[in-house]
Amino acid sequence: MPYFITILSLLLLIQCGNPSNPENEKKTGIPTENQTKRILYFGDSLTAGYGLLNYEDAWPHVLTNRINAEGYSYQMTNAGVSGDTTSGGLGRLEWVLAEKPSIFVLELGANDMLRGISPTVTKENLRTMVKQIKSQYPDTKILLVGMMATPNMGKKYASAFNTIYPELAKEENIPLVPFILEKVATIRKLNQKDGIHPTEAGHKLVAETVYPYIKPLLEK
């Protein structure tokens, strides 16, 4: 398992590619007077659905479809940008907040880890984003999505990185998905050839992982 993840981690930065233009972020749903609630998914290639033939197979779309099938009425914006870091997220946060989301799903940090960025920097970038969302839209509910460090980063780094999300969630009093890849990490058939980005089947399991944490935030 460590060997598999080590190899995968070396590929992620290459496969993530260059960050895409925010104008390419995907929106679904037709605004109406009775349909104004929006979930905004803000993340990197894992959220963007890197490598999928159809971006609507990415877990944010799968999850939102499940939510609405249960009688809710949410529009969604997939603001995932391949290759993005927490610093990059800070730079585009203001732009996406114009969507005035009801729920903000924050999934960033994997590329920070793979680039060896200080966990202290990553945590403070995430905290700054959380505080900005709270300041501009106090009624917006925030869901933090966690990542785990790969073994090749070393025990000291991994230990520091792995505390980022649970500590921040507790300090900022926001719900946390402990590990977004819980159901798919290291399972070859659920990942693409690069070994790190989930397949269509993998994205369905990621949606299942996130669902119980977002459900308490939903409103009809």
N, C-alpha and C. Protein backbone atom coordinates (compact mmCIF):
# COMPACT_ATOMS: atom_id res chain seq x y z
N MET A 1 0.82 -1.23 0.00
CA MET A 1 0.00 0.00 0.00
C MET A 1 0.85 1.27 0.00
N PRO A 2 1.89 1.41 0.89
CA PRO A 2 2.73 2.60 0.87
C PRO A 2 3.40 2.79 -0.47
N TYR A 3 3.91 1.68 -1.06
CA TYR A 3 4.58 1.78 -2.35
C TYR A 3 3.64 2.31 -3.41
N PHE A 4 2.41 1.80 -3.42
CA PHE A 4 1.41 2.23 -4.40
C PHE A 4 1.13 3.72 -4.28
N ILE A 5 0.89 4.17 -3.04
CA ILE A 5 0.58 5.59 -2.83
C ILE A 5 1.78 6.45 -3.18
N THR A 6 3.00 5.98 -2.86
CA THR A 6 4.20 6.75 -3.15
C THR A 6 4.32 7.01 -4.64
N ILE A 7 4.12 5.99 -5.44
CA ILE A 7 4.19 6.15 -6.88
C ILE A 7 3.10 7.10 -7.35
N LEU A 8 1.91 6.95 -6.80
CA LEU A 8 0.79 7.78 -7.23
C LEU A 8 1.06 9.24 -6.94
N SER A 9 1.62 9.50 -5.80
CA SER A 9 1.81 10.89 -5.39
C SER A 9 2.75 11.63 -6.32
N LEU A 10 3.72 10.91 -6.89
CA LEU A 10 4.66 11.53 -7.80
C LEU A 10 4.00 11.91 -9.11
N LEU A 11 2.88 11.25 -9.39
CA LEU A 11 2.19 11.51 -10.65
C LEU A 11 1.18 12.64 -10.55
N LEU A 12 0.71 12.94 -9.37
CA LEU A 12 -0.43 13.84 -9.22
C LEU A 12 -0.13 15.23 -9.76
N LEU A 13 1.04 15.77 -9.42
CA LEU A 13 1.34 17.12 -9.88
C LEU A 13 1.43 17.18 -11.39
N ILE A 14 1.99 16.11 -12.00
CA ILE A 14 2.10 16.08 -13.45
C ILE A 14 0.72 16.01 -14.08
N GLN A 15 -0.13 15.13 -13.55
CA GLN A 15 -1.43 14.88 -14.15
C GLN A 15 -2.41 16.00 -13.90
N CYS A 16 -2.19 16.76 -12.82
CA CYS A 16 -3.12 17.85 -12.53
C CYS A 16 -3.05 18.92 -13.59
N GLY A 17 -1.86 19.12 -14.18
CA GLY A 17 -1.72 20.11 -15.23
C GLY A 17 -1.78 21.52 -14.70
N ASN A 18 -1.94 22.45 -15.62
CA ASN A 18 -2.02 23.85 -15.23
C ASN A 18 -3.42 24.20 -14.79
N PRO A 19 -3.53 25.11 -13.78
CA PRO A 19 -4.86 25.52 -13.34
C PRO A 19 -5.66 26.09 -14.49
N SER A 20 -6.92 25.74 -14.56
CA SER A 20 -7.77 26.23 -15.62
C SER A 20 -8.32 27.60 -15.28
N ASN A 21 -8.84 28.26 -16.28
CA ASN A 21 -9.44 29.56 -16.08
C ASN A 21 -10.72 29.42 -15.28
N PRO A 22 -10.92 30.27 -14.26
CA PRO A 22 -12.16 30.18 -13.48
C PRO A 22 -13.41 30.29 -14.33
N GLU A 23 -13.28 30.89 -15.53
CA GLU A 23 -14.45 31.03 -16.39
C GLU A 23 -14.94 29.67 -16.86
N ASN A 24 -14.08 28.66 -16.76
CA ASN A 24 -14.47 27.32 -17.20
C ASN A 24 -15.17 26.52 -16.13
N GLU A 25 -15.31 27.09 -14.94
CA GLU A 25 -15.96 26.36 -13.86
C GLU A 25 -17.40 26.07 -14.25
N LYS A 26 -17.85 24.88 -13.92
CA LYS A 26 -19.13 24.37 -14.41
C LYS A 26 -20.28 24.72 -13.50
N LYS A 27 -21.37 25.20 -14.09
CA LYS A 27 -22.58 25.48 -13.34
C LYS A 27 -23.70 24.62 -13.91
N THR A 28 -24.59 24.17 -13.05
CA THR A 28 -25.78 23.47 -13.50
C THR A 28 -26.97 24.00 -12.73
N GLY A 29 -28.14 23.86 -13.33
CA GLY A 29 -29.34 24.35 -12.67
C GLY A 29 -29.81 25.64 -13.32
N ILE A 30 -31.11 25.78 -13.47
CA ILE A 30 -31.68 26.98 -14.06
C ILE A 30 -32.30 27.82 -12.96
N PRO A 31 -31.81 29.05 -12.75
CA PRO A 31 -32.34 29.87 -11.67
C PRO A 31 -33.82 30.18 -11.85
N THR A 32 -34.57 30.01 -10.81
CA THR A 32 -35.97 30.42 -10.78
C THR A 32 -36.24 31.02 -9.43
N GLU A 33 -37.40 31.64 -9.26
CA GLU A 33 -37.75 32.25 -7.99
C GLU A 33 -37.81 31.22 -6.88
N ASN A 34 -38.17 29.98 -7.22
CA ASN A 34 -38.32 28.95 -6.21
C ASN A 34 -37.08 28.05 -6.09
N GLN A 35 -36.05 28.37 -6.87
CA GLN A 35 -34.85 27.54 -6.85
C GLN A 35 -33.64 28.45 -6.77
N THR A 36 -33.29 28.85 -5.57
CA THR A 36 -32.22 29.83 -5.40
C THR A 36 -31.06 29.30 -4.56
N LYS A 37 -31.22 28.15 -3.94
CA LYS A 37 -30.15 27.62 -3.10
C LYS A 37 -29.05 27.02 -3.99
N ARG A 38 -27.80 27.26 -3.60
CA ARG A 38 -26.68 26.78 -4.41
C ARG A 38 -25.60 26.15 -3.54
N ILE A 39 -25.09 25.01 -4.00
CA ILE A 39 -23.91 24.39 -3.40
C ILE A 39 -22.72 24.71 -4.29
N LEU A 40 -21.67 25.26 -3.72
CA LEU A 40 -20.47 25.57 -4.47
C LEU A 40 -19.35 24.63 -4.02
N TYR A 41 -18.83 23.87 -4.97
CA TYR A 41 -17.74 22.93 -4.69
C TYR A 41 -16.43 23.57 -5.14
N PHE A 42 -15.55 23.85 -4.20
CA PHE A 42 -14.33 24.62 -4.46
C PHE A 42 -13.12 23.73 -4.19
N GLY A 43 -12.42 23.34 -5.25
CA GLY A 43 -11.34 22.40 -5.03
C GLY A 43 -10.35 22.32 -6.18
N ASP A 44 -9.65 21.19 -6.24
CA ASP A 44 -8.63 20.97 -7.26
C ASP A 44 -9.13 19.94 -8.28
N SER A 45 -8.20 19.16 -8.86
CA SER A 45 -8.59 18.21 -9.91
C SER A 45 -9.51 17.12 -9.41
N LEU A 46 -9.44 16.81 -8.12
CA LEU A 46 -10.34 15.79 -7.57
C LEU A 46 -11.79 16.24 -7.64
N THR A 47 -12.00 17.53 -7.47
CA THR A 47 -13.35 18.11 -7.56
C THR A 47 -13.72 18.37 -9.02
N ALA A 48 -12.74 18.81 -9.81
CA ALA A 48 -13.01 19.14 -11.21
C ALA A 48 -13.40 17.93 -12.04
N GLY A 49 -12.98 16.74 -11.60
CA GLY A 49 -13.27 15.54 -12.38
C GLY A 49 -12.23 15.29 -13.45
N TYR A 50 -10.98 15.57 -13.12
CA TYR A 50 -9.89 15.40 -14.07
C TYR A 50 -9.91 14.01 -14.71
N GLY A 51 -9.78 13.98 -16.04
CA GLY A 51 -9.66 12.73 -16.77
C GLY A 51 -10.96 12.03 -17.12
N LEU A 52 -12.08 12.52 -16.63
CA LEU A 52 -13.36 11.90 -16.94
C LEU A 52 -13.83 12.33 -18.33
N LEU A 53 -14.49 11.45 -19.04
CA LEU A 53 -15.01 11.80 -20.36
C LEU A 53 -16.13 12.82 -20.24
N ASN A 54 -16.91 12.71 -19.18
CA ASN A 54 -18.03 13.62 -18.96
C ASN A 54 -17.85 14.27 -17.59
N TYR A 55 -17.68 15.59 -17.54
CA TYR A 55 -17.45 16.26 -16.27
C TYR A 55 -18.63 16.08 -15.31
N GLU A 56 -19.80 15.76 -15.84
CA GLU A 56 -20.95 15.56 -14.96
C GLU A 56 -20.88 14.23 -14.21
N ASP A 57 -19.86 13.43 -14.49
CA ASP A 57 -19.63 12.22 -13.71
C ASP A 57 -18.77 12.49 -12.48
N ALA A 58 -18.29 13.72 -12.34
CA ALA A 58 -17.49 14.09 -11.17
C ALA A 58 -18.37 14.08 -9.92
N TRP A 59 -17.76 13.79 -8.79
CA TRP A 59 -18.54 13.58 -7.57
C TRP A 59 -19.43 14.75 -7.17
N PRO A 60 -19.06 16.02 -7.42
CA PRO A 60 -20.00 17.09 -7.04
C PRO A 60 -21.33 16.99 -7.77
N HIS A 61 -21.29 16.61 -9.04
CA HIS A 61 -22.52 16.46 -9.81
C HIS A 61 -23.31 15.24 -9.35
N VAL A 62 -22.60 14.14 -9.12
CA VAL A 62 -23.25 12.92 -8.64
C VAL A 62 -23.93 13.19 -7.30
N LEU A 63 -23.23 13.88 -6.42
CA LEU A 63 -23.76 14.17 -5.09
C LEU A 63 -24.97 15.10 -5.16
N THR A 64 -24.88 16.15 -5.97
CA THR A 64 -25.99 17.09 -6.08
C THR A 64 -27.21 16.42 -6.69
N ASN A 65 -27.01 15.55 -7.66
CA ASN A 65 -28.14 14.82 -8.24
C ASN A 65 -28.82 13.95 -7.18
N ARG A 66 -28.04 13.32 -6.34
CA ARG A 66 -28.62 12.50 -5.27
C ARG A 66 -29.41 13.38 -4.30
N ILE A 67 -28.84 14.50 -3.95
CA ILE A 67 -29.50 15.43 -3.03
C ILE A 67 -30.85 15.87 -3.58
N ASN A 68 -30.86 16.28 -4.84
CA ASN A 68 -32.11 16.76 -5.44
C ASN A 68 -33.11 15.63 -5.66
N ALA A 69 -32.64 14.42 -5.87
CA ALA A 69 -33.53 13.27 -6.02
C ALA A 69 -34.26 12.97 -4.72
N GLU A 70 -33.73 13.46 -3.62
CA GLU A 70 -34.35 13.24 -2.32
C GLU A 70 -35.33 14.36 -1.95
N GLY A 71 -35.62 15.22 -2.91
CA GLY A 71 -36.64 16.23 -2.69
C GLY A 71 -36.11 17.62 -2.40
N TYR A 72 -34.80 17.78 -2.44
CA TYR A 72 -34.22 19.11 -2.25
C TYR A 72 -34.18 19.83 -3.59
N SER A 73 -33.85 21.11 -3.55
CA SER A 73 -33.80 21.88 -4.78
C SER A 73 -32.56 22.77 -4.75
N TYR A 74 -31.44 22.20 -5.14
CA TYR A 74 -30.17 22.92 -5.13
C TYR A 74 -29.59 23.03 -6.53
N GLN A 75 -29.14 24.23 -6.88
CA GLN A 75 -28.27 24.40 -8.03
C GLN A 75 -26.86 24.10 -7.54
N MET A 76 -25.92 23.95 -8.47
CA MET A 76 -24.55 23.72 -8.04
C MET A 76 -23.56 24.37 -8.99
N THR A 77 -22.41 24.70 -8.44
CA THR A 77 -21.28 25.18 -9.24
C THR A 77 -20.08 24.30 -8.92
N ASN A 78 -19.49 23.71 -9.94
CA ASN A 78 -18.25 22.96 -9.76
C ASN A 78 -17.09 23.91 -10.02
N ALA A 79 -16.51 24.42 -8.95
CA ALA A 79 -15.39 25.36 -9.05
C ALA A 79 -14.07 24.64 -8.77
N GLY A 80 -13.96 23.42 -9.29
CA GLY A 80 -12.71 22.69 -9.18
C GLY A 80 -11.75 23.12 -10.27
N VAL A 81 -10.49 23.35 -9.92
CA VAL A 81 -9.47 23.77 -10.88
C VAL A 81 -8.27 22.84 -10.75
N SER A 82 -7.96 22.13 -11.80
CA SER A 82 -6.86 21.17 -11.77
C SER A 82 -5.53 21.85 -11.43
N GLY A 83 -4.78 21.24 -10.51
CA GLY A 83 -3.49 21.77 -10.12
C GLY A 83 -3.53 22.84 -9.06
N ASP A 84 -4.73 23.19 -8.60
CA ASP A 84 -4.84 24.31 -7.67
C ASP A 84 -4.28 23.97 -6.29
N THR A 85 -3.75 24.99 -5.64
CA THR A 85 -3.25 24.91 -4.27
C THR A 85 -4.11 25.81 -3.39
N THR A 86 -3.84 25.81 -2.10
CA THR A 86 -4.60 26.71 -1.22
C THR A 86 -4.28 28.16 -1.53
N SER A 87 -3.06 28.45 -1.95
CA SER A 87 -2.71 29.82 -2.33
C SER A 87 -3.47 30.24 -3.57
N GLY A 88 -3.58 29.32 -4.53
CA GLY A 88 -4.35 29.60 -5.73
C GLY A 88 -5.82 29.79 -5.40
N GLY A 89 -6.32 28.99 -4.47
CA GLY A 89 -7.71 29.14 -4.05
C GLY A 89 -7.98 30.50 -3.45
N LEU A 90 -7.04 30.98 -2.65
CA LEU A 90 -7.20 32.32 -2.07
C LEU A 90 -7.33 33.37 -3.16
N GLY A 91 -6.58 33.18 -4.24
CA GLY A 91 -6.58 34.16 -5.31
C GLY A 91 -7.87 34.23 -6.09
N ARG A 92 -8.65 33.16 -6.11
CA ARG A 92 -9.89 33.15 -6.89
C ARG A 92 -11.15 33.07 -6.03
N LEU A 93 -10.97 33.07 -4.73
CA LEU A 93 -12.13 32.92 -3.84
C LEU A 93 -13.15 34.04 -4.03
N GLU A 94 -12.68 35.27 -4.12
CA GLU A 94 -13.59 36.40 -4.26
C GLU A 94 -14.47 36.24 -5.49
N TRP A 95 -13.88 35.74 -6.56
CA TRP A 95 -14.61 35.58 -7.82
C TRP A 95 -15.77 34.60 -7.65
N VAL A 96 -15.49 33.45 -7.02
CA VAL A 96 -16.54 32.44 -6.91
C VAL A 96 -17.59 32.79 -5.85
N LEU A 97 -17.22 33.61 -4.87
CA LEU A 97 -18.19 33.98 -3.85
C LEU A 97 -19.31 34.84 -4.41
N ALA A 98 -19.11 35.37 -5.61
CA ALA A 98 -20.18 36.12 -6.26
C ALA A 98 -21.40 35.25 -6.51
N GLU A 99 -21.21 33.92 -6.45
CA GLU A 99 -22.33 32.99 -6.61
C GLU A 99 -23.26 32.99 -5.40
N LYS A 100 -22.81 33.56 -4.30
CA LYS A 100 -23.59 33.62 -3.05
C LYS A 100 -24.11 32.23 -2.66
N PRO A 101 -23.22 31.29 -2.43
CA PRO A 101 -23.64 29.91 -2.15
C PRO A 101 -24.33 29.74 -0.81
N SER A 102 -25.25 28.82 -0.77
CA SER A 102 -25.88 28.42 0.50
C SER A 102 -24.95 27.49 1.27
N ILE A 103 -24.25 26.62 0.51
CA ILE A 103 -23.28 25.69 1.09
C ILE A 103 -21.99 25.80 0.30
N PHE A 104 -20.88 25.92 1.01
CA PHE A 104 -19.56 26.03 0.39
C PHE A 104 -18.75 24.80 0.79
N VAL A 105 -18.42 23.95 -0.19
CA VAL A 105 -17.64 22.74 0.06
C VAL A 105 -16.19 23.03 -0.31
N LEU A 106 -15.31 23.02 0.69
CA LEU A 106 -13.91 23.42 0.50
C LEU A 106 -12.99 22.20 0.46
N GLU A 107 -12.48 21.90 -0.73
CA GLU A 107 -11.60 20.74 -0.93
C GLU A 107 -10.30 21.20 -1.58
N LEU A 108 -9.32 21.57 -0.77
CA LEU A 108 -8.01 21.99 -1.27
C LEU A 108 -6.93 21.54 -0.29
N GLY A 109 -5.72 21.40 -0.82
CA GLY A 109 -4.59 21.05 0.04
C GLY A 109 -3.75 19.89 -0.47
N ALA A 110 -4.31 19.06 -1.34
CA ALA A 110 -3.56 17.90 -1.83
C ALA A 110 -2.30 18.32 -2.58
N ASN A 111 -2.43 19.34 -3.43
CA ASN A 111 -1.27 19.79 -4.19
C ASN A 111 -0.26 20.53 -3.31
N ASP A 112 -0.73 21.18 -2.26
CA ASP A 112 0.20 21.77 -1.28
C ASP A 112 1.09 20.67 -0.72
N MET A 113 0.46 19.58 -0.32
CA MET A 113 1.18 18.46 0.28
C MET A 113 2.21 17.88 -0.69
N LEU A 114 1.80 17.65 -1.93
CA LEU A 114 2.70 17.03 -2.90
C LEU A 114 3.84 17.95 -3.30
N ARG A 115 3.67 19.25 -3.09
CA ARG A 115 4.75 20.19 -3.38
C ARG A 115 5.59 20.49 -2.14
N GLY A 116 5.24 19.85 -1.05
CA GLY A 116 6.02 20.03 0.16
C GLY A 116 5.83 21.37 0.83
N ILE A 117 4.72 22.03 0.54
CA ILE A 117 4.44 23.33 1.16
C ILE A 117 4.21 23.12 2.66
N SER A 118 4.69 24.04 3.44
CA SER A 118 4.56 23.93 4.89
C SER A 118 3.10 23.74 5.30
N PRO A 119 2.82 22.74 6.13
CA PRO A 119 1.46 22.55 6.61
C PRO A 119 0.92 23.78 7.33
N THR A 120 1.80 24.55 7.94
CA THR A 120 1.37 25.78 8.61
C THR A 120 0.80 26.76 7.60
N VAL A 121 1.46 26.87 6.44
CA VAL A 121 0.98 27.76 5.38
C VAL A 121 -0.35 27.26 4.84
N THR A 122 -0.44 25.97 4.58
CA THR A 122 -1.68 25.39 4.06
C THR A 122 -2.84 25.64 5.02
N LYS A 123 -2.60 25.40 6.29
CA LYS A 123 -3.66 25.58 7.28
C LYS A 123 -4.11 27.03 7.35
N GLU A 124 -3.17 27.96 7.33
CA GLU A 124 -3.54 29.37 7.42
C GLU A 124 -4.25 29.85 6.16
N ASN A 125 -3.87 29.32 5.00
CA ASN A 125 -4.59 29.66 3.78
C ASN A 125 -6.03 29.18 3.85
N LEU A 126 -6.21 27.95 4.32
CA LEU A 126 -7.57 27.42 4.47
C LEU A 126 -8.36 28.23 5.49
N ARG A 127 -7.71 28.59 6.58
CA ARG A 127 -8.38 29.39 7.60
C ARG A 127 -8.81 30.76 7.05
N THR A 128 -7.92 31.36 6.27
CA THR A 128 -8.24 32.66 5.68
C THR A 128 -9.47 32.56 4.78
N MET A 129 -9.55 31.48 4.00
CA MET A 129 -10.71 31.28 3.14
C MET A 129 -11.98 31.10 3.96
N VAL A 130 -11.89 30.28 5.00
CA VAL A 130 -13.06 30.05 5.85
C VAL A 130 -13.54 31.35 6.48
N LYS A 131 -12.60 32.14 6.96
CA LYS A 131 -12.97 33.41 7.61
C LYS A 131 -13.55 34.40 6.61
N GLN A 132 -13.02 34.40 5.39
CA GLN A 132 -13.56 35.30 4.37
C GLN A 132 -15.00 34.92 4.02
N ILE A 133 -15.25 33.63 3.89
CA ILE A 133 -16.61 33.18 3.59
C ILE A 133 -17.55 33.58 4.72
N LYS A 134 -17.13 33.34 5.95
CA LYS A 134 -17.96 33.69 7.11
C LYS A 134 -18.22 35.19 7.17
N SER A 135 -17.22 35.98 6.83
CA SER A 135 -17.34 37.43 6.91
C SER A 135 -18.29 37.97 5.84
N GLN A 136 -18.15 37.48 4.61
CA GLN A 136 -18.97 37.99 3.52
C GLN A 136 -20.38 37.40 3.50
N TYR A 137 -20.48 36.12 3.87
CA TYR A 137 -21.78 35.45 3.83
C TYR A 137 -21.96 34.63 5.11
N PRO A 138 -22.33 35.28 6.19
CA PRO A 138 -22.46 34.61 7.49
C PRO A 138 -23.43 33.43 7.49
N ASP A 139 -24.39 33.45 6.58
CA ASP A 139 -25.39 32.38 6.55
C ASP A 139 -24.94 31.17 5.72
N THR A 140 -23.84 31.32 4.99
CA THR A 140 -23.34 30.22 4.18
C THR A 140 -22.75 29.13 5.07
N LYS A 141 -23.17 27.90 4.83
CA LYS A 141 -22.65 26.76 5.60
C LYS A 141 -21.40 26.22 4.90
N ILE A 142 -20.37 25.97 5.68
CA ILE A 142 -19.09 25.52 5.12
C ILE A 142 -18.84 24.06 5.49
N LEU A 143 -18.46 23.27 4.49
CA LEU A 143 -18.06 21.88 4.72
C LEU A 143 -16.61 21.74 4.29
N LEU A 144 -15.73 21.41 5.22
CA LEU A 144 -14.31 21.22 4.93
C LEU A 144 -14.06 19.76 4.55
N VAL A 145 -13.34 19.57 3.46
CA VAL A 145 -13.06 18.22 2.97
C VAL A 145 -11.57 17.93 3.15
N GLY A 146 -11.26 16.89 3.91
CA GLY A 146 -9.88 16.61 4.27
C GLY A 146 -9.13 15.70 3.32
N MET A 147 -7.80 15.80 3.41
CA MET A 147 -6.88 14.97 2.65
C MET A 147 -5.85 14.41 3.62
N MET A 148 -5.24 13.28 3.25
CA MET A 148 -4.19 12.66 4.05
C MET A 148 -2.88 12.70 3.27
N ALA A 149 -1.78 12.90 3.97
CA ALA A 149 -0.47 12.95 3.31
C ALA A 149 -0.03 11.56 2.87
N THR A 150 0.70 11.50 1.77
CA THR A 150 1.24 10.24 1.29
C THR A 150 2.51 9.89 2.07
N PRO A 151 2.80 8.60 2.25
CA PRO A 151 3.92 8.17 3.07
C PRO A 151 5.28 8.71 2.64
N ASN A 152 5.46 8.91 1.33
CA ASN A 152 6.77 9.35 0.85
C ASN A 152 7.12 10.77 1.28
N MET A 153 6.17 11.49 1.87
CA MET A 153 6.46 12.83 2.36
C MET A 153 7.22 12.79 3.68
N GLY A 154 7.32 11.63 4.28
CA GLY A 154 8.04 11.50 5.54
C GLY A 154 7.10 11.59 6.73
N LYS A 155 7.46 10.92 7.81
CA LYS A 155 6.58 10.86 8.97
C LYS A 155 6.34 12.22 9.60
N LYS A 156 7.39 13.03 9.69
CA LYS A 156 7.26 14.34 10.33
C LYS A 156 6.29 15.23 9.56
N TYR A 157 6.49 15.29 8.24
CA TYR A 157 5.61 16.11 7.41
C TYR A 157 4.18 15.57 7.45
N ALA A 158 4.04 14.26 7.28
CA ALA A 158 2.71 13.64 7.26
C ALA A 158 1.97 13.90 8.57
N SER A 159 2.68 13.80 9.67
CA SER A 159 2.05 14.03 10.97
C SER A 159 1.52 15.45 11.08
N ALA A 160 2.31 16.41 10.61
CA ALA A 160 1.88 17.82 10.66
C ALA A 160 0.73 18.08 9.69
N PHE A 161 0.84 17.51 8.48
CA PHE A 161 -0.20 17.74 7.48
C PHE A 161 -1.53 17.14 7.90
N ASN A 162 -1.48 15.94 8.43
CA ASN A 162 -2.71 15.22 8.76
C ASN A 162 -3.50 15.84 9.90
N THR A 163 -2.89 16.76 10.63
CA THR A 163 -3.62 17.45 11.70
C THR A 163 -4.32 18.71 11.21
N ILE A 164 -3.99 19.15 9.99
CA ILE A 164 -4.53 20.41 9.47
C ILE A 164 -6.06 20.43 9.53
N TYR A 165 -6.68 19.46 8.92
CA TYR A 165 -8.13 19.49 8.73
C TYR A 165 -8.92 19.28 10.02
N PRO A 166 -8.59 18.28 10.83
CA PRO A 166 -9.34 18.13 12.09
C PRO A 166 -9.15 19.32 13.02
N GLU A 167 -7.95 19.87 13.08
CA GLU A 167 -7.72 21.03 13.95
C GLU A 167 -8.48 22.24 13.45
N LEU A 168 -8.42 22.50 12.16
CA LEU A 168 -9.10 23.66 11.60
C LEU A 168 -10.61 23.54 11.76
N ALA A 169 -11.15 22.36 11.51
CA ALA A 169 -12.59 22.15 11.65
C ALA A 169 -13.03 22.43 13.09
N LYS A 170 -12.23 21.99 14.04
CA LYS A 170 -12.57 22.22 15.45
C LYS A 170 -12.44 23.68 15.82
N GLU A 171 -11.36 24.32 15.37
CA GLU A 171 -11.11 25.72 15.71
C GLU A 171 -12.13 26.66 15.09
N GLU A 172 -12.58 26.34 13.88
CA GLU A 172 -13.54 27.20 13.18
C GLU A 172 -14.97 26.71 13.31
N ASN A 173 -15.16 25.61 14.02
CA ASN A 173 -16.50 25.07 14.27
C ASN A 173 -17.25 24.79 12.97
N ILE A 174 -16.61 24.04 12.10
CA ILE A 174 -17.24 23.66 10.83
C ILE A 174 -17.14 22.14 10.67
N PRO A 175 -18.09 21.53 9.97
CA PRO A 175 -18.06 20.07 9.77
C PRO A 175 -16.92 19.66 8.85
N LEU A 176 -16.47 18.43 9.02
CA LEU A 176 -15.32 17.92 8.28
C LEU A 176 -15.58 16.54 7.70
N VAL A 177 -15.24 16.39 6.42
CA VAL A 177 -15.12 15.06 5.81
C VAL A 177 -13.66 14.66 6.05
N PRO A 178 -13.39 13.67 6.87
CA PRO A 178 -12.01 13.38 7.26
C PRO A 178 -11.04 13.11 6.11
N PHE A 179 -11.47 12.30 5.12
CA PHE A 179 -10.58 11.93 4.02
C PHE A 179 -11.40 11.68 2.77
N ILE A 180 -11.28 12.55 1.80
CA ILE A 180 -12.12 12.49 0.61
C ILE A 180 -11.94 11.18 -0.17
N LEU A 181 -10.74 10.60 -0.14
CA LEU A 181 -10.48 9.39 -0.91
C LEU A 181 -10.58 8.12 -0.08
N GLU A 182 -11.29 8.19 1.00
CA GLU A 182 -11.40 7.07 1.93
C GLU A 182 -11.79 5.76 1.26
N LYS A 183 -12.73 5.82 0.32
CA LYS A 183 -13.25 4.60 -0.29
C LYS A 183 -12.52 4.19 -1.57
N VAL A 184 -11.60 5.04 -2.05
CA VAL A 184 -10.98 4.75 -3.35
C VAL A 184 -9.45 4.71 -3.33
N ALA A 185 -8.82 5.31 -2.34
CA ALA A 185 -7.35 5.35 -2.31
C ALA A 185 -6.76 3.95 -2.31
N THR A 186 -5.76 3.74 -3.15
CA THR A 186 -4.99 2.49 -3.30
C THR A 186 -5.75 1.37 -4.01
N ILE A 187 -6.99 1.61 -4.41
CA ILE A 187 -7.76 0.57 -5.12
C ILE A 187 -7.63 0.84 -6.62
N ARG A 188 -6.82 0.05 -7.28
CA ARG A 188 -6.45 0.33 -8.67
C ARG A 188 -7.65 0.47 -9.60
N LYS A 189 -8.64 -0.40 -9.48
CA LYS A 189 -9.76 -0.38 -10.42
C LYS A 189 -10.64 0.84 -10.24
N LEU A 190 -10.50 1.56 -9.14
CA LEU A 190 -11.30 2.76 -8.90
C LEU A 190 -10.56 4.03 -9.25
N ASN A 191 -9.32 3.87 -9.77
CA ASN A 191 -8.53 5.03 -10.16
C ASN A 191 -8.13 4.93 -11.62
N GLN A 192 -7.88 6.08 -12.22
CA GLN A 192 -7.47 6.13 -13.61
C GLN A 192 -6.04 5.61 -13.74
N LYS A 193 -5.53 5.59 -14.97
CA LYS A 193 -4.19 5.04 -15.22
C LYS A 193 -3.11 5.78 -14.45
N ASP A 194 -3.34 7.05 -14.12
CA ASP A 194 -2.34 7.79 -13.35
C ASP A 194 -2.31 7.32 -11.90
N GLY A 195 -3.32 6.55 -11.52
CA GLY A 195 -3.33 5.96 -10.20
C GLY A 195 -3.82 6.83 -9.06
N ILE A 196 -4.22 8.06 -9.34
CA ILE A 196 -4.62 8.95 -8.24
C ILE A 196 -5.99 9.57 -8.46
N HIS A 197 -6.32 9.87 -9.71
CA HIS A 197 -7.62 10.48 -9.97
C HIS A 197 -8.68 9.40 -10.14
N PRO A 198 -9.77 9.49 -9.41
CA PRO A 198 -10.80 8.44 -9.46
C PRO A 198 -11.43 8.28 -10.84
N THR A 199 -11.84 7.07 -11.13
CA THR A 199 -12.62 6.79 -12.32
C THR A 199 -14.06 7.23 -12.07
N GLU A 200 -14.90 7.01 -13.07
CA GLU A 200 -16.33 7.33 -12.89
C GLU A 200 -16.89 6.56 -11.69
N ALA A 201 -16.54 5.29 -11.58
CA ALA A 201 -17.00 4.49 -10.44
C ALA A 201 -16.42 5.02 -9.14
N GLY A 202 -15.18 5.46 -9.19
CA GLY A 202 -14.55 6.03 -8.01
C GLY A 202 -15.22 7.29 -7.55
N HIS A 203 -15.62 8.13 -8.49
CA HIS A 203 -16.31 9.38 -8.15
C HIS A 203 -17.65 9.11 -7.46
N LYS A 204 -18.31 8.05 -7.86
CA LYS A 204 -19.57 7.69 -7.19
C LYS A 204 -19.32 7.37 -5.72
N LEU A 205 -18.20 6.72 -5.44
CA LEU A 205 -17.87 6.39 -4.06
C LEU A 205 -17.42 7.62 -3.28
N VAL A 206 -16.76 8.55 -3.95
CA VAL A 206 -16.40 9.81 -3.29
C VAL A 206 -17.67 10.55 -2.89
N ALA A 207 -18.67 10.56 -3.79
CA ALA A 207 -19.95 11.19 -3.47
C ALA A 207 -20.58 10.53 -2.25
N GLU A 208 -20.48 9.20 -2.18
CA GLU A 208 -21.01 8.48 -1.01
C GLU A 208 -20.27 8.87 0.26
N THR A 209 -18.98 9.10 0.15
CA THR A 209 -18.17 9.49 1.30
C THR A 209 -18.60 10.86 1.83
N VAL A 210 -18.87 11.78 0.95
CA VAL A 210 -19.20 13.16 1.35
C VAL A 210 -20.65 13.29 1.81
N TYR A 211 -21.53 12.48 1.25
CA TYR A 211 -22.97 12.62 1.49
C TYR A 211 -23.37 12.74 2.95
N PRO A 212 -22.97 11.84 3.85
CA PRO A 212 -23.45 11.94 5.24
C PRO A 212 -23.00 13.21 5.96
N TYR A 213 -21.97 13.85 5.45
CA TYR A 213 -21.47 15.08 6.08
C TYR A 213 -22.17 16.32 5.56
N ILE A 214 -22.64 16.26 4.32
CA ILE A 214 -23.34 17.42 3.77
C ILE A 214 -24.83 17.37 4.07
N LYS A 215 -25.37 16.18 4.29
CA LYS A 215 -26.81 16.05 4.50
C LYS A 215 -27.35 16.92 5.63
N PRO A 216 -26.67 17.01 6.79
CA PRO A 216 -27.20 17.86 7.86
C PRO A 216 -27.23 19.35 7.53
N LEU A 217 -26.54 19.73 6.45
CA LEU A 217 -26.49 21.14 6.07
C LEU A 217 -27.60 21.52 5.10
N LEU A 218 -28.32 20.53 4.59
CA LEU A 218 -29.33 20.78 3.56
C LEU A 218 -30.62 21.35 4.14
N GLU A 219 -31.28 22.17 3.33
CA GLU A 219 -32.56 22.76 3.71
C GLU A 219 -33.53 22.65 2.55
N LYS A 220 -34.78 22.31 2.87
CA LYS A 220 -35.81 22.24 1.82
C LYS A 220 -36.56 23.55 1.75
